[in-house]
Structure formats: C-alpha cells, structure tokens
Protein backbone atom coordinates (compact mmCIF):
# COMPACT_ATOMS: atom_id res chain seq x y z
CA LEU A 1 121.38 87.05 139.06
CA PHE A 2 119.00 87.17 136.75
CA TYR A 3 119.27 82.89 136.78
CA GLY A 4 118.52 83.30 139.95
CA TYR A 5 121.61 82.14 141.85
CA PRO A 6 123.54 85.02 145.15
CA ALA A 7 126.88 86.01 144.43
CA GLU A 8 127.28 82.85 147.57
CA GLU A 9 126.07 79.57 146.29
CA ALA A 10 126.55 80.94 142.63
CA LEU A 11 131.03 81.88 143.84
CA GLY A 12 133.54 78.90 142.46
CA SER A 13 130.75 77.00 140.69
CA ASN A 14 131.55 75.62 137.40
CA LEU A 15 129.16 78.20 135.07
CA LEU A 16 128.74 74.52 132.65
CA ASP A 17 126.70 73.46 136.00
CA LEU A 18 124.83 76.20 136.75
CA ILE A 19 122.62 76.87 133.62
CA ILE A 20 124.22 75.82 130.74
CA PRO A 21 120.94 73.33 129.47
CA THR A 22 122.51 69.79 129.37
CA GLU A 23 122.35 69.40 125.29
CA MET A 24 123.95 72.55 125.34
CA LYS A 25 126.94 71.76 127.48
CA THR A 26 129.10 69.62 124.72
CA GLY A 27 128.60 72.65 122.52
CA ILE A 28 129.55 75.14 125.25
CA THR A 29 132.84 72.84 125.79
CA GLU A 30 133.56 72.67 122.77
CA ALA A 31 133.45 76.14 121.74
CA ILE A 32 135.54 77.18 125.22
CA GLN A 33 138.29 74.68 124.01
CA GLN A 34 138.37 75.79 120.87
CA MET A 35 139.16 79.47 121.70
CA ILE A 36 141.79 78.72 124.45
CA GLU A 37 143.23 77.36 121.73
CA THR A 38 142.97 80.31 119.53
CA GLY A 39 142.78 83.06 121.80
CA GLU A 40 139.98 84.01 119.24
CA PRO A 41 136.09 84.96 120.95
CA ILE A 42 133.57 83.64 121.39
CA PRO A 43 131.10 85.41 118.84
CA ALA A 44 128.02 86.92 120.63
CA GLY A 45 124.19 86.00 120.18
CA GLU A 46 121.10 84.56 121.66
CA LEU A 47 121.84 81.65 124.52
CA LEU A 48 118.65 79.76 125.55
CA LEU A 49 119.98 79.40 129.31
CA LYS A 50 118.39 78.40 132.78
CA HIS A 51 117.26 79.84 135.53
CA LYS A 52 117.92 78.16 138.97
CA ASP A 53 114.49 77.15 139.19
CA GLY A 54 114.78 75.04 135.61
CA SER A 55 112.89 77.24 133.79
CA PRO A 56 114.37 78.68 130.29
CA VAL A 57 116.07 82.11 130.69
CA SER A 58 116.82 84.06 127.01
CA VAL A 59 119.56 85.72 127.18
CA LEU A 60 123.06 87.08 124.72
CA SER A 61 126.22 86.36 126.13
CA SER A 62 129.44 87.19 124.67
CA HIS A 63 132.78 85.79 125.87
CA ALA A 64 136.47 86.13 125.91
CA LEU A 65 139.22 84.97 126.96
CA VAL A 66 141.47 87.18 130.14
CA ILE A 67 144.60 85.90 130.50
CA PRO A 68 146.07 87.64 133.85
CA VAL A 69 149.96 87.82 134.00
CA GLY A 70 150.68 85.00 136.01
CA ARG A 71 147.75 83.08 136.42
CA GLN A 72 145.34 80.93 134.59
CA PRO A 73 143.27 82.07 131.71
CA GLU A 74 139.38 83.15 132.90
CA LEU A 75 136.76 83.00 131.38
CA PHE A 76 134.75 86.10 130.59
CA CYS A 77 130.95 85.72 130.17
CA LEU A 78 128.72 89.10 130.52
CA ASP A 79 125.53 87.86 129.56
CA ILE A 80 122.48 90.57 128.93
CA ASP A 81 118.64 89.38 129.82
CA LEU A 82 116.65 89.20 126.85
CA THR A 83 113.28 87.99 128.69
CA ASP A 84 111.63 91.30 128.15
CA ARG A 85 112.05 92.48 125.14
CA LYS A 86 110.88 88.76 123.75
CA GLN A 87 107.87 88.74 125.70
CA ALA A 88 107.41 92.55 125.11
CA GLU A 89 107.87 90.69 121.07
CA GLN A 90 105.58 87.42 121.71
CA ASP A 91 103.44 90.47 122.89
CA LEU A 92 103.75 92.79 119.11
CA GLN A 93 103.70 89.24 117.66
CA ARG A 94 100.40 88.81 119.06
CA SER A 95 98.45 92.79 118.93
CA TYR A 96 99.81 91.97 114.83
CA GLN A 97 97.91 88.72 115.70
CA LEU A 98 94.52 90.20 116.33
CA LEU A 99 94.89 93.64 114.54
CA ALA A 100 94.78 91.05 111.24
CA GLU A 101 92.25 89.49 112.81
CA ALA A 102 89.79 92.60 113.30
CA LYS A 103 91.18 93.89 109.33
CA VAL A 104 89.72 90.22 108.65
CA LEU A 105 86.78 90.05 110.78
CA ALA A 106 86.30 94.41 109.83
CA GLU A 107 86.33 93.56 105.73
CA SER A 108 83.70 90.45 106.28
CA ALA A 109 81.24 93.38 108.48
CA ASN A 110 81.52 95.27 105.35
CA LEU A 111 81.24 92.82 102.13
CA ALA A 112 78.75 91.83 103.96
CA LYS A 113 77.25 95.72 105.03
CA SER A 114 77.35 97.03 101.53
CA GLN A 115 75.91 92.92 100.12
CA PHE A 116 72.77 94.34 102.42
CA LEU A 117 72.55 97.34 101.22
CA ALA A 118 72.87 96.05 97.42
CA ASN A 119 70.05 93.04 98.04
CA MET A 120 67.60 95.90 100.01
CA SER A 121 67.80 98.00 97.72
CA HIS A 122 66.74 96.05 94.14
CA GLU A 123 64.08 94.43 97.31
CA ILE A 124 62.37 97.81 98.16
CA ARG A 125 63.09 99.30 94.04
CA THR A 126 61.02 96.21 92.63
CA PRO A 127 57.90 97.12 94.96
CA MET A 128 58.66 101.23 94.09
CA ASN A 129 58.49 100.15 90.48
CA GLY A 130 55.30 99.46 90.31
CA ILE A 131 53.64 101.29 92.43
CA LEU A 132 55.85 104.32 90.42
CA GLY A 133 53.95 101.81 87.30
CA MET A 134 50.74 102.48 88.16
CA THR A 135 50.40 106.26 89.47
CA GLN A 136 51.56 106.33 85.44
CA ILE A 137 48.41 105.04 84.61
CA LEU A 138 46.43 106.34 87.19
CA GLU A 139 47.18 109.54 85.60
CA MET A 140 45.67 108.45 81.74
CA THR A 141 42.23 107.95 84.11
CA GLU A 142 39.87 110.66 84.07
CA LEU A 143 40.41 112.60 87.75
CA SER A 144 39.77 115.17 89.55
CA ALA A 145 42.61 118.21 89.87
CA GLU A 146 42.24 117.35 93.51
CA GLN A 147 43.00 114.00 92.87
CA ARG A 148 45.90 115.24 90.22
CA ASP A 149 47.41 117.16 92.52
CA CYS A 150 47.71 114.00 95.14
CA VAL A 151 49.18 111.19 92.05
CA GLU A 152 51.64 113.89 90.18
CA THR A 153 52.73 114.15 94.47
CA LEU A 154 52.58 110.85 94.81
CA ASP A 155 54.60 109.72 90.84
CA VAL A 156 56.90 112.95 92.42
CA SER A 157 57.87 111.27 96.06
CA GLY A 158 58.20 107.93 93.93
CA LYS A 159 60.90 108.85 92.32
CA ASN A 160 62.90 111.06 94.13
CA LEU A 161 62.27 107.22 96.52
CA LEU A 162 64.23 105.74 93.06
CA TYR A 163 66.97 108.24 93.41
CA LEU A 164 67.60 107.70 96.72
CA ILE A 165 67.70 104.22 96.22
CA ASP A 166 70.02 103.62 93.45
CA ASP A 167 72.02 105.93 95.05
CA ILE A 168 72.05 103.77 98.07
CA LEU A 169 73.16 101.03 95.53
CA ASP A 170 75.41 103.22 93.78
CA LEU A 171 77.32 103.80 97.18
CA SER A 172 77.63 99.91 97.62
CA LYS A 173 78.90 98.51 95.12
CA ILE A 174 81.40 101.06 95.37
CA GLU A 175 81.96 100.62 99.42
C-alpha cells in the first residue's frame, strides 16, 4: 500500500513494472535469476523504489524464493517502508547542524564579550590611574582636615574601583 497501488491493481502485475525504477531493473532481474539458480535469498538491504506517482520510496527489502509443492517457484518479497525513519534521520541531521551553528555563534558571542570586557577594563583603568595619581599629588599639598578627608575617600574609592576593574579583566582572560 505504501507504493500507492490498491490491491486489485497490483494483483497479477509484474513487480518490475510497478515499483522498480528503470535504472534498477537489470540489476534486480539478474539478482532474481541468480536466486532462482542458486536457491540463495537476496540479502536484505535498503532500496529506493518508486511510488505509483513516480516519487521515491525508501524501503528495507528482503527477497526469498518460495517453491510450493507442484507449482512454479514464487518470489517472496518483504518491504518495510523507511520513509519515516529517513525523515527522522534528516531531521536529526538538521538538528545537529543547527546545534553546531548555534555553538559557533555562542562561542563567537562569548569571545566578543570577553574582548569587550578586556578593552573596557583597559579603557577605564587608564583614566582611573590618572585620578589616583592626581589624588596622591593632592595629598602632598596643604589641605584642610575636611579636604584631606575628601581626598582620602577619593583615594580609597578609586583603589576599590581599580581592584574591581582588575577582577573584570581577570575574568575576561579566564573566559
């Protein structure tokens, strides 16, 4: 039925004419003839046969010769439709491709983030060092108690910010 032929149309018809693609007919005919001569079944294998509408049908096909008592030998053929399995394999392959592409994009984004953090850390560190240097120079001048307190707070805050920037830079190097 997965070949698209109703039973009344398929009965009495030659299998080669119904489902075997033209380019395979000679090989199939030779394999059947060899099976008749040797009595050995054709090993099961995947074949791409044809549907009534001409579209391909992927099957696992197994063939054997049956010789009923007092009658002509008959070809016994068992085909299992692999269409769903092939579609699932294609879907799985596409999923693997999408995952691989997503992984590359994620790695690229992560690298860009790390480079951005490193660049920003350096860009922030330079003016911060300038501020801390000026703070040290300011501490060497005559200041009122209130001014000295403000300069010390500025120095401590600047050093804390510099440590934070260094930690961000270290983190970007680790990643």
